[in-house]
Amino acid sequence: MKPIRIAVLVLIAAAVVAFAGVGRPESAGGAAKPAGGITVSGTGTVTSMPDEAEFSLGVQTNGSTAREALAKNSEEMHRVIAALGSAGVERRDIKTQDVSVSPSYAEDQVSGFSARNSVTVTIRKLSKAGEVLDAASNAGANEVYGPTLTRSDKEAQQRKALRSAFADARVKAEALAAAAGVQLGSVTAITEGFSGGPEPYFASAPAARVTADKAAPIEPGTQDAQATVTVTFAID
């Protein structure tokens, strides 16, 4: 009887296993949908012409005492600021950058004092930059540094670059999906990467008294707004 019982138990176990497998067919060809989707990076670039300029304009004066140097400097800087206003620069676009007084030395002895006052000036119309610089120079500015050339709508340019970067990412994802023989699904994740904007161009030149027909030429050139994104697409 013992061998018969063992045989019966074996038959019952086999039946249970067979029943459990009903309704659970293997995937055709053993293929499985890839998990995680397709992740790609895209880059967008928008080229435009700068329409604004920022300069640093300053006055440096000397005096036998600190008070004398600073008083002379303040008088001349007031004239420079007034000249900037007359040239069309708004007060909101003139910002004090640095005020300092320091001793001058000759043979290890204090020989006098030097005072300096500088402002940053934003010129909203780039075509007026030469005229503004000439006005400041003629009023007494003897330090000129710049320009930093920018766009007045740089945020809008950056948004355009982001849209271009996303379009680039989609093209790459579609190419990968076609190569893999799958269909591209919806977006499941987007990460904005950092891409440095255009590097500002800096130049410096000594200030000098000039006439209107010799205005300092400012050539805007072009600059790029760049953006990068990382996008994950689902696979349908």
C-alpha atoms as a PDB file:
ATOM      1  CA  MET A   1       0.000   0.000   0.000  1.00  0.00           C
ATOM      2  CA  LYS A   2       2.837   2.349   0.655  1.00  0.00           C
ATOM      3  CA  PRO A   3       4.108   2.452  -2.972  1.00  0.00           C
ATOM      4  CA  ILE A   4       0.520   3.097  -4.161  1.00  0.00           C
ATOM      5  CA  ARG A   5       0.133   6.079  -1.833  1.00  0.00           C
ATOM      6  CA  ILE A   6       3.407   7.595  -3.119  1.00  0.00           C
ATOM      7  CA  ALA A   7       2.258   7.219  -6.724  1.00  0.00           C
ATOM      8  CA  VAL A   8      -1.078   8.900  -5.953  1.00  0.00           C
ATOM      9  CA  LEU A   9       0.678  11.848  -4.293  1.00  0.00           C
ATOM     10  CA  VAL A  10       2.956  12.288  -7.311  1.00  0.00           C
ATOM     11  CA  LEU A  11      -0.040  12.338  -9.670  1.00  0.00           C
ATOM     12  CA  ILE A  12      -1.840  14.927  -7.521  1.00  0.00           C
ATOM     13  CA  ALA A  13       1.238  17.201  -7.426  1.00  0.00           C
ATOM     14  CA  ALA A  14       1.623  17.009 -11.192  1.00  0.00           C
ATOM     15  CA  ALA A  15      -2.033  17.942 -11.664  1.00  0.00           C
ATOM     16  CA  VAL A  16      -1.686  20.979  -9.384  1.00  0.00           C
ATOM     17  CA  VAL A  17       1.346  22.212 -11.315  1.00  0.00           C
ATOM     18  CA  ALA A  18      -0.417  21.752 -14.640  1.00  0.00           C
ATOM     19  CA  PHE A  19      -3.511  23.611 -13.424  1.00  0.00           C
ATOM     20  CA  ALA A  20      -1.430  26.514 -12.100  1.00  0.00           C
ATOM     21  CA  GLY A  21       0.113  27.015 -15.517  1.00  0.00           C
ATOM     22  CA  VAL A  22      -3.267  27.417 -17.244  1.00  0.00           C
ATOM     23  CA  GLY A  23      -3.932  31.004 -18.397  1.00  0.00           C
ATOM     24  CA  ARG A  24      -0.263  32.113 -18.021  1.00  0.00           C
ATOM     25  CA  PRO A  25       1.240  31.724 -21.501  1.00  0.00           C
ATOM     26  CA  GLU A  26       4.835  32.745 -22.100  1.00  0.00           C
ATOM     27  CA  SER A  27       5.468  36.038 -23.924  1.00  0.00           C
ATOM     28  CA  ALA A  28       5.737  35.545 -27.662  1.00  0.00           C
ATOM     29  CA  GLY A  29       9.332  34.936 -28.603  1.00  0.00           C
ATOM     30  CA  GLY A  30      10.395  35.711 -25.034  1.00  0.00           C
ATOM     31  CA  ALA A  31      10.273  39.526 -25.784  1.00  0.00           C
ATOM     32  CA  ALA A  32       9.605  41.974 -22.945  1.00  0.00           C
ATOM     33  CA  LYS A  33       8.865  45.704 -23.037  1.00  0.00           C
ATOM     34  CA  PRO A  34      11.988  47.689 -22.072  1.00  0.00           C
ATOM     35  CA  ALA A  35      11.656  49.330 -18.682  1.00  0.00           C
ATOM     36  CA  GLY A  36      12.616  52.927 -17.876  1.00  0.00           C
ATOM     37  CA  GLY A  37      11.910  54.440 -21.280  1.00  0.00           C
ATOM     38  CA  ILE A  38      14.363  56.380 -23.437  1.00  0.00           C
ATOM     39  CA  THR A  39      16.411  59.183 -21.870  1.00  0.00           C
ATOM     40  CA  VAL A  40      18.207  61.713 -24.064  1.00  0.00           C
ATOM     41  CA  SER A  41      19.824  65.146 -23.767  1.00  0.00           C
ATOM     42  CA  GLY A  42      19.071  68.030 -26.107  1.00  0.00           C
ATOM     43  CA  THR A  43      20.833  71.316 -26.771  1.00  0.00           C
ATOM     44  CA  GLY A  44      19.313  74.515 -28.104  1.00  0.00           C
ATOM     45  CA  THR A  45      21.021  77.679 -29.313  1.00  0.00           C
ATOM     46  CA  VAL A  46      19.449  81.003 -30.291  1.00  0.00           C
ATOM     47  CA  THR A  47      21.666  83.622 -31.937  1.00  0.00           C
ATOM     48  CA  SER A  48      20.759  87.297 -31.670  1.00  0.00           C
ATOM     49  CA  MET A  49      22.309  90.744 -31.835  1.00  0.00           C
ATOM     50  CA  PRO A  50      22.881  92.605 -28.536  1.00  0.00           C
ATOM     51  CA  ASP A  51      20.895  95.820 -28.115  1.00  0.00           C
ATOM     52  CA  GLU A  52      22.188  97.049 -24.720  1.00  0.00           C
ATOM     53  CA  ALA A  53      25.593  97.916 -23.311  1.00  0.00           C
ATOM     54  CA  GLU A  54      26.950  98.343 -19.810  1.00  0.00           C
ATOM     55  CA  PHE A  55      30.041 100.413 -19.043  1.00  0.00           C
ATOM     56  CA  SER A  56      31.997 101.359 -15.959  1.00  0.00           C
ATOM     57  CA  LEU A  57      32.815 105.076 -15.956  1.00  0.00           C
ATOM     58  CA  GLY A  58      35.020 106.692 -13.347  1.00  0.00           C
ATOM     59  CA  VAL A  59      36.824 109.827 -12.233  1.00  0.00           C
ATOM     60  CA  GLN A  60      40.209 109.783 -10.538  1.00  0.00           C
ATOM     61  CA  THR A  61      41.611 112.955  -8.960  1.00  0.00           C
ATOM     62  CA  ASN A  62      44.601 113.897  -6.830  1.00  0.00           C
ATOM     63  CA  GLY A  63      45.052 116.311  -3.928  1.00  0.00           C
ATOM     64  CA  SER A  64      47.512 117.216  -1.211  1.00  0.00           C
ATOM     65  CA  THR A  65      45.040 115.992   1.413  1.00  0.00           C
ATOM     66  CA  ALA A  66      42.380 113.308   1.393  1.00  0.00           C
ATOM     67  CA  ARG A  67      39.664 115.924   1.768  1.00  0.00           C
ATOM     68  CA  GLU A  68      40.958 117.975  -1.137  1.00  0.00           C
ATOM     69  CA  ALA A  69      41.212 114.922  -3.404  1.00  0.00           C
ATOM     70  CA  LEU A  70      37.695 113.752  -2.500  1.00  0.00           C
ATOM     71  CA  ALA A  71      36.142 117.223  -2.870  1.00  0.00           C
ATOM     72  CA  LYS A  72      37.672 117.657  -6.310  1.00  0.00           C
ATOM     73  CA  ASN A  73      36.566 114.161  -7.273  1.00  0.00           C
ATOM     74  CA  SER A  74      32.984 114.713  -6.104  1.00  0.00           C
ATOM     75  CA  GLU A  75      32.703 117.933  -8.081  1.00  0.00           C
ATOM     76  CA  GLU A  76      33.847 116.279 -11.284  1.00  0.00           C
ATOM     77  CA  MET A  77      31.690 113.189 -10.742  1.00  0.00           C
ATOM     78  CA  HIS A  78      28.604 115.366 -10.366  1.00  0.00           C
ATOM     79  CA  ARG A  79      29.389 116.845 -13.781  1.00  0.00           C
ATOM     80  CA  VAL A  80      29.783 113.374 -15.292  1.00  0.00           C
ATOM     81  CA  ILE A  81      26.449 112.176 -13.903  1.00  0.00           C
ATOM     82  CA  ALA A  82      24.718 115.315 -15.165  1.00  0.00           C
ATOM     83  CA  ALA A  83      26.247 114.785 -18.598  1.00  0.00           C
ATOM     84  CA  LEU A  84      24.999 111.198 -18.655  1.00  0.00           C
ATOM     85  CA  GLY A  85      21.485 112.428 -17.929  1.00  0.00           C
ATOM     86  CA  SER A  86      21.723 115.026 -20.699  1.00  0.00           C
ATOM     87  CA  ALA A  87      22.795 112.250 -23.083  1.00  0.00           C
ATOM     88  CA  GLY A  88      19.586 110.351 -22.352  1.00  0.00           C
ATOM     89  CA  VAL A  89      20.672 107.912 -19.623  1.00  0.00           C
ATOM     90  CA  GLU A  90      17.993 107.506 -16.938  1.00  0.00           C
ATOM     91  CA  ARG A  91      18.931 107.751 -13.265  1.00  0.00           C
ATOM     92  CA  ARG A  92      17.823 104.149 -12.700  1.00  0.00           C
ATOM     93  CA  ASP A  93      20.545 103.089 -15.135  1.00  0.00           C
ATOM     94  CA  ILE A  94      23.345 104.826 -13.212  1.00  0.00           C
ATOM     95  CA  LYS A  95      24.641 102.984 -10.160  1.00  0.00           C
ATOM     96  CA  THR A  96      27.591 103.881  -7.929  1.00  0.00           C
ATOM     97  CA  GLN A  97      30.148 101.117  -8.096  1.00  0.00           C
ATOM     98  CA  ASP A  98      33.096 102.297  -6.010  1.00  0.00           C
ATOM     99  CA  VAL A  99      34.246 105.314  -3.961  1.00  0.00           C
ATOM    100  CA  SER A 100      37.738 105.329  -2.495  1.00  0.00           C
ATOM    101  CA  VAL A 101      40.524 107.590  -1.217  1.00  0.00           C
ATOM    102  CA  SER A 102      44.068 106.323  -0.838  1.00  0.00           C
ATOM    103  CA  PRO A 103      47.492 107.845  -0.191  1.00  0.00           C
ATOM    104  CA  SER A 104      50.111 108.246  -2.906  1.00  0.00           C
ATOM    105  CA  TYR A 105      53.752 107.544  -2.097  1.00  0.00           C
ATOM    106  CA  ALA A 106      57.076 108.888  -3.292  1.00  0.00           C
ATOM    107  CA  GLU A 107      60.304 107.560  -1.805  1.00  0.00           C
ATOM    108  CA  ASP A 108      58.376 105.795   0.967  1.00  0.00           C
ATOM    109  CA  GLN A 109      56.723 109.051   1.988  1.00  0.00           C
ATOM    110  CA  VAL A 110      53.089 110.105   1.562  1.00  0.00           C
ATOM    111  CA  SER A 111      53.151 112.647  -1.259  1.00  0.00           C
ATOM    112  CA  GLY A 112      49.409 113.224  -1.568  1.00  0.00           C
ATOM    113  CA  PHE A 113      46.094 111.456  -1.945  1.00  0.00           C
ATOM    114  CA  SER A 114      44.136 109.936  -4.803  1.00  0.00           C
ATOM    115  CA  ALA A 115      40.337 109.764  -4.898  1.00  0.00           C
ATOM    116  CA  ARG A 116      38.273 107.584  -7.200  1.00  0.00           C
ATOM    117  CA  ASN A 117      34.558 107.318  -7.907  1.00  0.00           C
ATOM    118  CA  SER A 118      33.046 105.011 -10.520  1.00  0.00           C
ATOM    119  CA  VAL A 119      29.541 104.157 -11.704  1.00  0.00           C
ATOM    120  CA  THR A 120      28.065 101.412 -13.841  1.00  0.00           C
ATOM    121  CA  VAL A 121      25.970 102.778 -16.677  1.00  0.00           C
ATOM    122  CA  THR A 122      23.424 100.777 -18.661  1.00  0.00           C
ATOM    123  CA  ILE A 123      22.791 102.162 -22.152  1.00  0.00           C
ATOM    124  CA  ARG A 124      19.418 100.894 -23.367  1.00  0.00           C
ATOM    125  CA  LYS A 125      19.943 101.943 -26.989  1.00  0.00           C
ATOM    126  CA  LEU A 126      23.205 100.527 -28.239  1.00  0.00           C
ATOM    127  CA  SER A 127      23.328 103.028 -31.098  1.00  0.00           C
ATOM    128  CA  LYS A 128      23.670 105.795 -28.483  1.00  0.00           C
ATOM    129  CA  ALA A 129      26.657 104.219 -26.707  1.00  0.00           C
ATOM    130  CA  GLY A 130      29.317 106.256 -28.479  1.00  0.00           C
ATOM    131  CA  GLU A 131      27.454 109.487 -27.829  1.00  0.00           C
ATOM    132  CA  VAL A 132      27.054 108.670 -24.126  1.00  0.00           C
ATOM    133  CA  LEU A 133      30.733 107.817 -23.722  1.00  0.00           C
ATOM    134  CA  ASP A 134      31.763 111.051 -25.404  1.00  0.00           C
ATOM    135  CA  ALA A 135      29.489 113.079 -23.130  1.00  0.00           C
ATOM    136  CA  ALA A 136      30.949 111.412 -20.037  1.00  0.00           C
ATOM    137  CA  SER A 137      34.516 111.885 -21.257  1.00  0.00           C
ATOM    138  CA  ASN A 138      34.014 115.545 -22.062  1.00  0.00           C
ATOM    139  CA  ALA A 139      32.507 116.049 -18.593  1.00  0.00           C
ATOM    140  CA  GLY A 140      35.626 114.677 -16.887  1.00  0.00           C
ATOM    141  CA  ALA A 141      35.412 110.874 -16.816  1.00  0.00           C
ATOM    142  CA  ASN A 142      38.971 109.617 -17.173  1.00  0.00           C
ATOM    143  CA  GLU A 143      38.306 105.903 -16.679  1.00  0.00           C
ATOM    144  CA  VAL A 144      36.212 103.878 -19.124  1.00  0.00           C
ATOM    145  CA  TYR A 145      35.802 100.107 -18.950  1.00  0.00           C
ATOM    146  CA  GLY A 146      33.533  97.859 -21.004  1.00  0.00           C
ATOM    147  CA  PRO A 147      31.336  97.165 -22.711  1.00  0.00           C
ATOM    148  CA  THR A 148      29.301  94.230 -21.517  1.00  0.00           C
ATOM    149  CA  LEU A 149      26.872  93.643 -24.390  1.00  0.00           C
ATOM    150  CA  THR A 150      23.512  92.043 -23.631  1.00  0.00           C
ATOM    151  CA  ARG A 151      19.942  91.645 -24.896  1.00  0.00           C
ATOM    152  CA  SER A 152      17.071  93.538 -23.305  1.00  0.00           C
ATOM    153  CA  ASP A 153      14.888  90.423 -23.752  1.00  0.00           C
ATOM    154  CA  LYS A 154      17.443  87.841 -22.630  1.00  0.00           C
ATOM    155  CA  GLU A 155      14.818  85.865 -20.677  1.00  0.00           C
ATOM    156  CA  ALA A 156      12.728  85.459 -23.832  1.00  0.00           C
ATOM    157  CA  GLN A 157      15.831  84.381 -25.751  1.00  0.00           C
ATOM    158  CA  GLN A 158      16.562  81.790 -23.074  1.00  0.00           C
ATOM    159  CA  ARG A 159      13.027  80.400 -23.329  1.00  0.00           C
ATOM    160  CA  LYS A 160      13.474  80.043 -27.085  1.00  0.00           C
ATOM    161  CA  ALA A 161      16.694  78.144 -26.463  1.00  0.00           C
ATOM    162  CA  LEU A 162      14.867  75.797 -24.060  1.00  0.00           C
ATOM    163  CA  ARG A 163      12.189  75.038 -26.653  1.00  0.00           C
ATOM    164  CA  SER A 164      14.901  74.363 -29.211  1.00  0.00           C
ATOM    165  CA  ALA A 165      16.682  72.056 -26.759  1.00  0.00           C
ATOM    166  CA  PHE A 166      13.495  70.050 -26.163  1.00  0.00           C
ATOM    167  CA  ALA A 167      12.911  69.705 -29.906  1.00  0.00           C
ATOM    168  CA  ASP A 168      16.477  68.437 -30.274  1.00  0.00           C
ATOM    169  CA  ALA A 169      15.898  65.895 -27.509  1.00  0.00           C
ATOM    170  CA  ARG A 170      12.712  64.616 -29.174  1.00  0.00           C
ATOM    171  CA  VAL A 171      14.470  64.131 -32.523  1.00  0.00           C
ATOM    172  CA  LYS A 172      17.174  62.078 -30.814  1.00  0.00           C
ATOM    173  CA  ALA A 173      14.602  59.987 -28.907  1.00  0.00           C
ATOM    174  CA  GLU A 174      12.627  59.280 -32.100  1.00  0.00           C
ATOM    175  CA  ALA A 175      15.792  58.111 -33.826  1.00  0.00           C
ATOM    176  CA  LEU A 176      16.603  55.756 -30.944  1.00  0.00           C
ATOM    177  CA  ALA A 177      13.047  54.423 -30.825  1.00  0.00           C
ATOM    178  CA  ALA A 178      13.099  53.713 -34.568  1.00  0.00           C
ATOM    179  CA  ALA A 179      16.440  51.931 -34.251  1.00  0.00           C
ATOM    180  CA  ALA A 180      15.057  49.784 -31.403  1.00  0.00           C
ATOM    181  CA  GLY A 181      11.796  49.035 -33.223  1.00  0.00           C
ATOM    182  CA  VAL A 182       9.567  50.566 -30.576  1.00  0.00           C
ATOM    183  CA  GLN A 183       7.090  53.423 -30.419  1.00  0.00           C
ATOM    184  CA  LEU A 184       7.917  56.603 -28.517  1.00  0.00           C
ATOM    185  CA  GLY A 185       5.473  57.409 -25.738  1.00  0.00           C
ATOM    186  CA  SER A 186       4.743  60.455 -23.626  1.00  0.00           C
ATOM    187  CA  VAL A 187       7.276  62.454 -21.636  1.00  0.00           C
ATOM    188  CA  THR A 188       7.791  61.141 -18.108  1.00  0.00           C
ATOM    189  CA  ALA A 189      10.574  63.453 -16.881  1.00  0.00           C
ATOM    190  CA  ILE A 190      12.371  66.650 -17.917  1.00  0.00           C
ATOM    191  CA  THR A 191      15.457  68.130 -16.287  1.00  0.00           C
ATOM    192  CA  GLU A 192      16.870  71.485 -17.294  1.00  0.00           C
ATOM    193  CA  GLY A 193      20.634  71.483 -17.489  1.00  0.00           C
ATOM    194  CA  PHE A 194      22.835  74.516 -17.032  1.00  0.00           C
ATOM    195  CA  SER A 195      24.481  75.967 -20.069  1.00  0.00           C
ATOM    196  CA  GLY A 196      26.479  79.141 -19.718  1.00  0.00           C
ATOM    197  CA  GLY A 197      25.184  82.087 -21.691  1.00  0.00           C
ATOM    198  CA  PRO A 198      27.336  84.214 -23.906  1.00  0.00           C
ATOM    199  CA  GLU A 199      30.520  85.398 -22.305  1.00  0.00           C
ATOM    200  CA  PRO A 200      30.458  89.182 -22.080  1.00  0.00           C
ATOM    201  CA  TYR A 201      33.028  91.066 -24.079  1.00  0.00           C
ATOM    202  CA  PHE A 202      35.112  93.487 -22.047  1.00  0.00           C
ATOM    203  CA  ALA A 203      37.356  96.193 -23.442  1.00  0.00           C
ATOM    204  CA  SER A 204      39.071  99.133 -21.852  1.00  0.00           C
ATOM    205  CA  ALA A 205      40.290 102.367 -23.320  1.00  0.00           C
ATOM    206  CA  PRO A 206      41.683 105.607 -21.930  1.00  0.00           C
ATOM    207  CA  ALA A 207      39.188 108.445 -21.910  1.00  0.00           C
ATOM    208  CA  ALA A 208      39.923 111.503 -24.009  1.00  0.00           C
ATOM    209  CA  ARG A 209      38.107 114.624 -25.138  1.00  0.00           C
ATOM    210  CA  VAL A 210      36.501 113.962 -28.495  1.00  0.00           C
ATOM    211  CA  THR A 211      34.098 115.674 -30.822  1.00  0.00           C
ATOM    212  CA  ALA A 212      30.723 114.313 -31.882  1.00  0.00           C
ATOM    213  CA  ASP A 213      32.010 113.145 -35.273  1.00  0.00           C
ATOM    214  CA  LYS A 214      34.599 110.952 -33.515  1.00  0.00           C
ATOM    215  CA  ALA A 215      32.235 109.009 -31.273  1.00  0.00           C
ATOM    216  CA  ALA A 216      33.643 105.727 -30.013  1.00  0.00           C
ATOM    217  CA  PRO A 217      32.419 102.975 -32.371  1.00  0.00           C
ATOM    218  CA  ILE A 218      30.615 100.081 -30.642  1.00  0.00           C
ATOM    219  CA  GLU A 219      30.061  97.008 -32.818  1.00  0.00           C
ATOM    220  CA  PRO A 220      27.443  94.643 -31.322  1.00  0.00           C
ATOM    221  CA  GLY A 221      28.279  91.465 -33.223  1.00  0.00           C
ATOM    222  CA  THR A 222      26.126  88.486 -32.194  1.00  0.00           C
ATOM    223  CA  GLN A 223      25.783  86.334 -29.107  1.00  0.00           C
ATOM    224  CA  ASP A 224      24.189  82.976 -28.346  1.00  0.00           C
ATOM    225  CA  ALA A 225      21.643  82.010 -25.726  1.00  0.00           C
ATOM    226  CA  GLN A 226      22.093  78.309 -24.961  1.00  0.00           C
ATOM    227  CA  ALA A 227      20.093  75.714 -23.042  1.00  0.00           C
ATOM    228  CA  THR A 228      20.269  71.980 -22.373  1.00  0.00           C
ATOM    229  CA  VAL A 229      17.575  69.588 -21.216  1.00  0.00           C
ATOM    230  CA  THR A 230      17.441  65.904 -20.323  1.00  0.00           C
ATOM    231  CA  VAL A 231      14.141  64.251 -21.261  1.00  0.00           C
ATOM    232  CA  THR A 232      12.798  60.771 -20.565  1.00  0.00           C
ATOM    233  CA  PHE A 233      10.148  59.355 -22.926  1.00  0.00           C
ATOM    234  CA  ALA A 234       8.022  56.320 -22.157  1.00  0.00           C
ATOM    235  CA  ILE A 235       7.918  53.407 -24.620  1.00  0.00           C
ATOM    236  CA  ASP A 236       4.456  52.458 -25.926  1.00  0.00           C
END
